[in-house]
Amino acid sequence: MRAASRGARARRLPAPHPSERTRPMSASRPAGNDDYPFTVLRVATLALDYAKGFLLPLLVYQQSGGSTLAVGVAYFVEFMPRALLSPVFGSIVDRSVGKRLAFTVEGLRLSCMLAWMLFGNAHFGWMLSSFVSLLSGMSLVYYEATAAQRLAPAGLGRFQTRSQLLEPLARLAGPGIAALAFSGLSPRAAIGALAIGYALLLAASIAWRAATTRRFATAIGRWTLAAERARFMTLATDAKLLALTFAGGLLNVFFGVFQALIAPTMIGLYGMPAAYSALPNLAGGAISFVLCIVVPRCAKDLRPAGFGRLGVLCLALAAVLSAANLGA
């Protein structure tokens, strides 16, 4: 009876779309343990992205004559394209072979940074930052997917563990460096300093091309909009997955709003130097780093919902403290 029930459930599962067929899992992870290049490239990309994300609101606030509305608009222009297109990144990367895609993305990212440096004084020059964020998102997906393909299970575990532990440090270092650059350099020079960082990333990517190149496509078939839409509609029928997706999106949106507005508010209301306006980011990064070490050791069986509740509580506390402070 139980076997018949399992068979009935198996028959109800939809057949995979021809363009979504993948290679066997056993062939997707050849022996290898050189996780160092993947870790460095991922963490350095995150640090530069955090630095750019901290610098952008300050530049927009300065160019708009102190308008927090302009800062909020800049944040949504920065965040929404990457959030909406992220599901497509994986499909594109899964169909790529070699490293031509990564080099193209990283080269375009550097070009956008240089263009932003040259035309940053234009009224909407900051919108180039959104393209940089999109390209960085594609780059991160490429290295994460390629690490899963090339590294042995032990090496992949080290990459994931080190990346998660070092990500809070990237959150610390990025805004801290950006604040110092903004306070000591002109806006154009600060953007140029970030462009140098992305150029060094491209150089490291080229130097490590042998260790970070995709050997084969993990999805067979040409990517089409119709196939992507069909896959999305299939996933959208899962109510719990859809609710979790919206919850994560809302958390990211409101967290980003706080992060984007807090530094201009501190500068505008309290006259705080730009170098000190990174203190909330530094405090948040330090707390995140401690939690990354303490939580896995103290709570061996903490479910994802526990982390979600912790995030909601932190966000609510931040809203209460900010409202009380601004209303004083």
Foldseek 3Di string as FASTA:
>chain_A
DVVVVVVVVVVPDDDADQQFDFDDLVQQEDEDQPLVLLLVLLLLLLLLLLLLLLLLLVLQCVLVVRDLVSLLVLLCLQPVVQLVCLVVLLVVLLQDFWCPLVLVLLVVLLVLLVQCLVCVNDNPSSSSNSSNSNSSSSNNSNSLSQCSRYYDPVNNVVSVLSNQLCNLVSLQNRNLVSLVCVLPHPSSVSSVVSSVSSVVSSVSCVVCSVVRGHHHRRGHDDDDPVSVVVVVVVQVVPPVSVVVSVLVVVLVSLVSSCSSNQLSCCCVVPVDRSSCSCVVSNVVSVVSSVCSPPVCVPPVDDDPVNVSVVSVVVSVVVVVVVVVVVVD
